[in-house]
Amino acid sequence: MTWEAVRWLHLLAMAFFVGGQLVLVAAVLPALRGEQDRDRLRAVARRFGWGSLAALVVLLGTGAAMADYASRWDDRTLQIKLTLVAVAGGLVLWHLRRPNRHWIEGLVFVLSLVIVWLGVAIAH
């Protein structure tokens, strides 16, 4: 597998994870706000959660491979990015235990956008 393919998989997984959050925030949540839609919203969130888990596994694997290949482990920007990934992961786990704390979702979303920004900075 070429490094372009590894980068492509990394970007595809990132697009699913962050793009899915954008779709949930911009389209799904506003459309399914009613009490009668609560079960549907939970089903959508659960499916997205499993897809996000798969995307995170791909992101971690491809990200580690690229960092190793490029000898970037000492890069301060990468270290900040990885710290924010760990914080976001902890928040996701917290949110699973406390799903009614919607501010956690917002914080994960903001952190995800910052993580993407840092990824772009590392790539250039």
N, C-alpha and C. Protein backbone atom coordinates (compact mmCIF):
# COMPACT_ATOMS: atom_id res chain seq x y z
N MET A 1 0.85 -1.18 0.00
CA MET A 1 0.00 0.00 0.00
C MET A 1 0.89 1.24 0.00
N THR A 2 0.57 2.19 -0.85
CA THR A 2 1.38 3.40 -0.93
C THR A 2 1.00 4.36 0.19
N TRP A 3 1.87 5.32 0.46
CA TRP A 3 1.60 6.29 1.52
C TRP A 3 0.46 7.22 1.14
N GLU A 4 0.25 7.42 -0.16
CA GLU A 4 -0.91 8.21 -0.58
C GLU A 4 -2.20 7.50 -0.20
N ALA A 5 -2.21 6.17 -0.31
CA ALA A 5 -3.40 5.41 0.08
C ALA A 5 -3.61 5.47 1.60
N VAL A 6 -2.54 5.44 2.36
CA VAL A 6 -2.65 5.55 3.82
C VAL A 6 -3.22 6.92 4.18
N ARG A 7 -2.70 7.97 3.54
CA ARG A 7 -3.21 9.32 3.78
C ARG A 7 -4.68 9.43 3.37
N TRP A 8 -5.03 8.81 2.23
CA TRP A 8 -6.41 8.83 1.76
C TRP A 8 -7.34 8.17 2.78
N LEU A 9 -6.94 7.02 3.32
CA LEU A 9 -7.74 6.35 4.35
C LEU A 9 -7.89 7.23 5.59
N HIS A 10 -6.80 7.92 5.96
CA HIS A 10 -6.84 8.82 7.12
C HIS A 10 -7.84 9.95 6.87
N LEU A 11 -7.77 10.54 5.69
CA LEU A 11 -8.68 11.65 5.37
C LEU A 11 -10.13 11.17 5.24
N LEU A 12 -10.33 9.98 4.69
CA LEU A 12 -11.68 9.43 4.58
C LEU A 12 -12.29 9.20 5.97
N ALA A 13 -11.50 8.63 6.87
CA ALA A 13 -11.99 8.40 8.24
C ALA A 13 -12.27 9.72 8.94
N MET A 14 -11.41 10.72 8.73
CA MET A 14 -11.63 12.04 9.32
C MET A 14 -12.90 12.67 8.76
N ALA A 15 -13.12 12.52 7.45
CA ALA A 15 -14.31 13.09 6.83
C ALA A 15 -15.57 12.45 7.40
N PHE A 16 -15.53 11.14 7.63
CA PHE A 16 -16.69 10.46 8.22
C PHE A 16 -16.93 10.98 9.63
N PHE A 17 -15.89 11.03 10.43
CA PHE A 17 -16.03 11.42 11.83
C PHE A 17 -16.50 12.87 11.98
N VAL A 18 -15.80 13.79 11.36
CA VAL A 18 -16.14 15.21 11.49
C VAL A 18 -17.34 15.57 10.63
N GLY A 19 -17.39 15.03 9.42
CA GLY A 19 -18.53 15.30 8.55
C GLY A 19 -19.83 14.77 9.14
N GLY A 20 -19.75 13.60 9.76
CA GLY A 20 -20.93 13.04 10.42
C GLY A 20 -21.42 13.93 11.55
N GLN A 21 -20.48 14.50 12.30
CA GLN A 21 -20.87 15.42 13.36
C GLN A 21 -21.56 16.65 12.78
N LEU A 22 -21.03 17.17 11.66
CA LEU A 22 -21.66 18.32 11.01
C LEU A 22 -23.08 18.00 10.57
N VAL A 23 -23.27 16.83 9.97
CA VAL A 23 -24.61 16.43 9.52
C VAL A 23 -25.56 16.30 10.71
N LEU A 24 -25.07 15.68 11.79
CA LEU A 24 -25.92 15.55 12.98
C LEU A 24 -26.34 16.91 13.52
N VAL A 25 -25.38 17.82 13.63
CA VAL A 25 -25.66 19.15 14.21
C VAL A 25 -26.54 19.98 13.29
N ALA A 26 -26.24 19.96 11.98
CA ALA A 26 -26.93 20.85 11.05
C ALA A 26 -28.25 20.32 10.53
N ALA A 27 -28.42 19.00 10.46
CA ALA A 27 -29.60 18.45 9.81
C ALA A 27 -30.41 17.49 10.68
N VAL A 28 -29.75 16.52 11.27
CA VAL A 28 -30.48 15.48 11.99
C VAL A 28 -31.11 16.01 13.27
N LEU A 29 -30.31 16.67 14.11
CA LEU A 29 -30.86 17.17 15.38
C LEU A 29 -32.02 18.15 15.19
N PRO A 30 -31.89 19.14 14.30
CA PRO A 30 -33.04 20.03 14.11
C PRO A 30 -34.29 19.32 13.57
N ALA A 31 -34.09 18.30 12.73
CA ALA A 31 -35.23 17.60 12.14
C ALA A 31 -35.90 16.64 13.12
N LEU A 32 -35.14 16.13 14.09
CA LEU A 32 -35.67 15.12 15.01
C LEU A 32 -35.68 15.64 16.45
N ARG A 33 -36.17 16.83 16.65
CA ARG A 33 -36.20 17.42 17.99
C ARG A 33 -37.43 17.03 18.80
N GLY A 34 -38.47 16.58 18.14
CA GLY A 34 -39.72 16.30 18.83
C GLY A 34 -39.65 15.07 19.72
N GLU A 35 -40.52 15.01 20.67
CA GLU A 35 -40.59 13.88 21.61
C GLU A 35 -40.84 12.57 20.88
N GLN A 36 -41.66 12.60 19.83
CA GLN A 36 -41.98 11.39 19.09
C GLN A 36 -40.78 10.87 18.29
N ASP A 37 -39.78 11.71 18.08
CA ASP A 37 -38.61 11.31 17.30
C ASP A 37 -37.42 10.88 18.16
N ARG A 38 -37.59 10.84 19.46
CA ARG A 38 -36.48 10.54 20.37
C ARG A 38 -35.84 9.17 20.08
N ASP A 39 -36.66 8.17 19.83
CA ASP A 39 -36.12 6.83 19.54
C ASP A 39 -35.35 6.81 18.22
N ARG A 40 -35.86 7.53 17.23
CA ARG A 40 -35.15 7.61 15.95
C ARG A 40 -33.81 8.30 16.11
N LEU A 41 -33.81 9.38 16.88
CA LEU A 41 -32.57 10.12 17.12
C LEU A 41 -31.55 9.23 17.83
N ARG A 42 -31.99 8.47 18.80
CA ARG A 42 -31.08 7.55 19.50
C ARG A 42 -30.53 6.50 18.53
N ALA A 43 -31.37 6.00 17.64
CA ALA A 43 -30.93 4.99 16.67
C ALA A 43 -29.88 5.58 15.73
N VAL A 44 -30.11 6.80 15.26
CA VAL A 44 -29.14 7.46 14.38
C VAL A 44 -27.82 7.68 15.13
N ALA A 45 -27.92 8.18 16.35
CA ALA A 45 -26.72 8.43 17.15
C ALA A 45 -25.95 7.14 17.42
N ARG A 46 -26.66 6.06 17.70
CA ARG A 46 -26.01 4.79 17.97
C ARG A 46 -25.27 4.28 16.73
N ARG A 47 -25.92 4.36 15.58
CA ARG A 47 -25.26 3.91 14.34
C ARG A 47 -24.05 4.78 14.02
N PHE A 48 -24.21 6.09 14.20
CA PHE A 48 -23.07 6.98 13.96
C PHE A 48 -21.96 6.68 14.95
N GLY A 49 -22.31 6.34 16.17
CA GLY A 49 -21.31 6.01 17.18
C GLY A 49 -20.47 4.82 16.77
N TRP A 50 -21.10 3.77 16.24
CA TRP A 50 -20.34 2.60 15.79
C TRP A 50 -19.47 2.95 14.59
N GLY A 51 -20.00 3.73 13.67
CA GLY A 51 -19.20 4.16 12.53
C GLY A 51 -18.04 5.04 12.96
N SER A 52 -18.29 5.88 13.96
CA SER A 52 -17.23 6.73 14.48
C SER A 52 -16.14 5.91 15.15
N LEU A 53 -16.53 4.88 15.84
CA LEU A 53 -15.55 4.00 16.47
C LEU A 53 -14.64 3.38 15.41
N ALA A 54 -15.23 2.90 14.33
CA ALA A 54 -14.43 2.33 13.24
C ALA A 54 -13.52 3.40 12.63
N ALA A 55 -14.05 4.60 12.45
CA ALA A 55 -13.25 5.70 11.89
C ALA A 55 -12.09 6.04 12.82
N LEU A 56 -12.32 6.04 14.12
CA LEU A 56 -11.25 6.35 15.06
C LEU A 56 -10.14 5.29 15.03
N VAL A 57 -10.53 4.03 14.86
CA VAL A 57 -9.52 2.97 14.75
C VAL A 57 -8.66 3.21 13.50
N VAL A 58 -9.30 3.55 12.39
CA VAL A 58 -8.56 3.84 11.16
C VAL A 58 -7.68 5.07 11.35
N LEU A 59 -8.22 6.12 11.98
CA LEU A 59 -7.45 7.34 12.21
C LEU A 59 -6.21 7.07 13.06
N LEU A 60 -6.37 6.30 14.12
CA LEU A 60 -5.23 6.00 14.98
C LEU A 60 -4.18 5.17 14.25
N GLY A 61 -4.62 4.17 13.52
CA GLY A 61 -3.68 3.32 12.80
C GLY A 61 -2.94 4.05 11.70
N THR A 62 -3.68 4.76 10.87
CA THR A 62 -3.04 5.47 9.76
C THR A 62 -2.23 6.66 10.25
N GLY A 63 -2.74 7.34 11.28
CA GLY A 63 -2.01 8.48 11.83
C GLY A 63 -0.68 8.06 12.43
N ALA A 64 -0.69 6.97 13.19
CA ALA A 64 0.55 6.47 13.78
C ALA A 64 1.53 6.04 12.70
N ALA A 65 1.02 5.37 11.67
CA ALA A 65 1.90 4.93 10.58
C ALA A 65 2.53 6.12 9.86
N MET A 66 1.73 7.16 9.60
CA MET A 66 2.27 8.33 8.91
C MET A 66 3.28 9.08 9.79
N ALA A 67 2.98 9.22 11.08
CA ALA A 67 3.89 9.90 11.99
C ALA A 67 5.22 9.15 12.08
N ASP A 68 5.14 7.83 12.11
CA ASP A 68 6.35 7.01 12.17
C ASP A 68 7.15 7.13 10.87
N TYR A 69 6.45 7.03 9.76
CA TYR A 69 7.10 7.10 8.45
C TYR A 69 7.82 8.44 8.26
N ALA A 70 7.19 9.52 8.71
CA ALA A 70 7.75 10.86 8.54
C ALA A 70 8.61 11.30 9.71
N SER A 71 8.79 10.42 10.69
CA SER A 71 9.58 10.74 11.90
C SER A 71 9.09 12.04 12.55
N ARG A 72 7.77 12.11 12.78
CA ARG A 72 7.15 13.33 13.32
C ARG A 72 6.83 13.26 14.80
N TRP A 73 7.20 12.20 15.49
CA TRP A 73 6.77 12.02 16.87
C TRP A 73 7.24 13.15 17.79
N ASP A 74 8.32 13.85 17.44
CA ASP A 74 8.81 14.96 18.26
C ASP A 74 8.18 16.30 17.88
N ASP A 75 7.34 16.29 16.86
CA ASP A 75 6.69 17.52 16.39
C ASP A 75 5.70 18.03 17.43
N ARG A 76 5.87 19.26 17.87
CA ARG A 76 5.01 19.83 18.91
C ARG A 76 3.55 19.90 18.47
N THR A 77 3.31 20.23 17.22
CA THR A 77 1.94 20.30 16.72
C THR A 77 1.27 18.92 16.79
N LEU A 78 2.01 17.89 16.42
CA LEU A 78 1.46 16.53 16.51
C LEU A 78 1.17 16.16 17.96
N GLN A 79 2.04 16.54 18.87
CA GLN A 79 1.83 16.23 20.28
C GLN A 79 0.59 16.93 20.83
N ILE A 80 0.38 18.17 20.41
CA ILE A 80 -0.83 18.89 20.82
C ILE A 80 -2.06 18.21 20.24
N LYS A 81 -1.97 17.84 18.96
CA LYS A 81 -3.09 17.16 18.30
C LYS A 81 -3.42 15.86 19.02
N LEU A 82 -2.42 15.07 19.35
CA LEU A 82 -2.66 13.79 20.04
C LEU A 82 -3.25 14.00 21.43
N THR A 83 -2.82 15.06 22.10
CA THR A 83 -3.39 15.39 23.41
C THR A 83 -4.87 15.71 23.27
N LEU A 84 -5.21 16.51 22.26
CA LEU A 84 -6.62 16.85 22.03
C LEU A 84 -7.44 15.64 21.62
N VAL A 85 -6.83 14.72 20.86
CA VAL A 85 -7.52 13.47 20.51
C VAL A 85 -7.84 12.68 21.77
N ALA A 86 -6.89 12.61 22.69
CA ALA A 86 -7.12 11.89 23.95
C ALA A 86 -8.21 12.57 24.77
N VAL A 87 -8.20 13.90 24.81
CA VAL A 87 -9.25 14.63 25.54
C VAL A 87 -10.61 14.38 24.90
N ALA A 88 -10.67 14.45 23.57
CA ALA A 88 -11.93 14.20 22.87
C ALA A 88 -12.41 12.77 23.13
N GLY A 89 -11.49 11.81 23.12
CA GLY A 89 -11.87 10.43 23.41
C GLY A 89 -12.44 10.28 24.81
N GLY A 90 -11.81 10.93 25.77
CA GLY A 90 -12.33 10.91 27.14
C GLY A 90 -13.70 11.53 27.24
N LEU A 91 -13.90 12.63 26.52
CA LEU A 91 -15.22 13.27 26.52
C LEU A 91 -16.29 12.38 25.88
N VAL A 92 -15.91 11.67 24.83
CA VAL A 92 -16.87 10.76 24.19
C VAL A 92 -17.28 9.67 25.19
N LEU A 93 -16.30 9.11 25.89
CA LEU A 93 -16.62 8.09 26.90
C LEU A 93 -17.50 8.66 28.00
N TRP A 94 -17.21 9.87 28.43
CA TRP A 94 -18.02 10.53 29.46
C TRP A 94 -19.44 10.73 28.95
N HIS A 95 -19.54 11.15 27.69
CA HIS A 95 -20.86 11.39 27.10
C HIS A 95 -21.68 10.09 27.01
N LEU A 96 -21.01 8.97 26.76
CA LEU A 96 -21.72 7.69 26.73
C LEU A 96 -22.36 7.38 28.09
N ARG A 97 -21.71 7.81 29.14
CA ARG A 97 -22.23 7.56 30.50
C ARG A 97 -23.25 8.63 30.92
N ARG A 98 -23.15 9.81 30.35
CA ARG A 98 -24.04 10.92 30.67
C ARG A 98 -24.59 11.56 29.40
N PRO A 99 -25.46 10.83 28.68
CA PRO A 99 -25.92 11.31 27.36
C PRO A 99 -26.77 12.58 27.42
N ASN A 100 -27.28 12.94 28.56
CA ASN A 100 -28.12 14.14 28.64
C ASN A 100 -27.30 15.42 28.77
N ARG A 101 -26.02 15.30 28.95
CA ARG A 101 -25.15 16.49 29.03
C ARG A 101 -24.72 16.87 27.61
N HIS A 102 -25.56 17.63 26.96
CA HIS A 102 -25.36 17.93 25.55
C HIS A 102 -24.17 18.86 25.30
N TRP A 103 -23.74 19.58 26.31
CA TRP A 103 -22.58 20.45 26.12
C TRP A 103 -21.33 19.63 25.80
N ILE A 104 -21.32 18.36 26.25
CA ILE A 104 -20.16 17.51 25.94
C ILE A 104 -20.08 17.27 24.43
N GLU A 105 -21.24 17.05 23.80
CA GLU A 105 -21.27 16.87 22.34
C GLU A 105 -20.67 18.08 21.64
N GLY A 106 -21.06 19.27 22.10
CA GLY A 106 -20.56 20.51 21.50
C GLY A 106 -19.06 20.64 21.66
N LEU A 107 -18.56 20.28 22.84
CA LEU A 107 -17.13 20.37 23.08
C LEU A 107 -16.35 19.37 22.22
N VAL A 108 -16.87 18.17 22.06
CA VAL A 108 -16.23 17.18 21.19
C VAL A 108 -16.20 17.70 19.75
N PHE A 109 -17.28 18.32 19.32
CA PHE A 109 -17.34 18.87 17.96
C PHE A 109 -16.28 19.96 17.76
N VAL A 110 -16.18 20.89 18.72
CA VAL A 110 -15.20 21.96 18.61
C VAL A 110 -13.78 21.39 18.62
N LEU A 111 -13.53 20.45 19.52
CA LEU A 111 -12.21 19.81 19.56
C LEU A 111 -11.90 19.10 18.24
N SER A 112 -12.90 18.46 17.65
CA SER A 112 -12.70 17.78 16.37
C SER A 112 -12.27 18.77 15.28
N LEU A 113 -12.88 19.94 15.27
CA LEU A 113 -12.51 20.95 14.28
C LEU A 113 -11.08 21.44 14.51
N VAL A 114 -10.70 21.63 15.77
CA VAL A 114 -9.33 22.04 16.08
C VAL A 114 -8.33 20.94 15.68
N ILE A 115 -8.69 19.70 15.92
CA ILE A 115 -7.82 18.57 15.55
C ILE A 115 -7.62 18.53 14.04
N VAL A 116 -8.67 18.78 13.28
CA VAL A 116 -8.53 18.83 11.81
C VAL A 116 -7.62 19.98 11.41
N TRP A 117 -7.79 21.13 12.04
CA TRP A 117 -6.93 22.30 11.76
C TRP A 117 -5.46 21.94 11.99
N LEU A 118 -5.19 21.28 13.11
CA LEU A 118 -3.81 20.90 13.41
C LEU A 118 -3.28 19.87 12.41
N GLY A 119 -4.16 18.96 11.97
CA GLY A 119 -3.76 18.00 10.96
C GLY A 119 -3.37 18.67 9.66
N VAL A 120 -4.12 19.70 9.28
CA VAL A 120 -3.77 20.45 8.07
C VAL A 120 -2.43 21.15 8.25
N ALA A 121 -2.22 21.70 9.46
CA ALA A 121 -0.94 22.38 9.73
C ALA A 121 0.23 21.39 9.65
N ILE A 122 0.03 20.19 10.13
CA ILE A 122 1.10 19.17 10.09
C ILE A 122 1.38 18.77 8.65
N ALA A 123 0.36 18.69 7.83
CA ALA A 123 0.51 18.22 6.46
C ALA A 123 1.24 19.22 5.56
N HIS A 124 1.32 20.47 6.01
CA HIS A 124 1.96 21.48 5.13
C HIS A 124 3.25 21.99 5.71
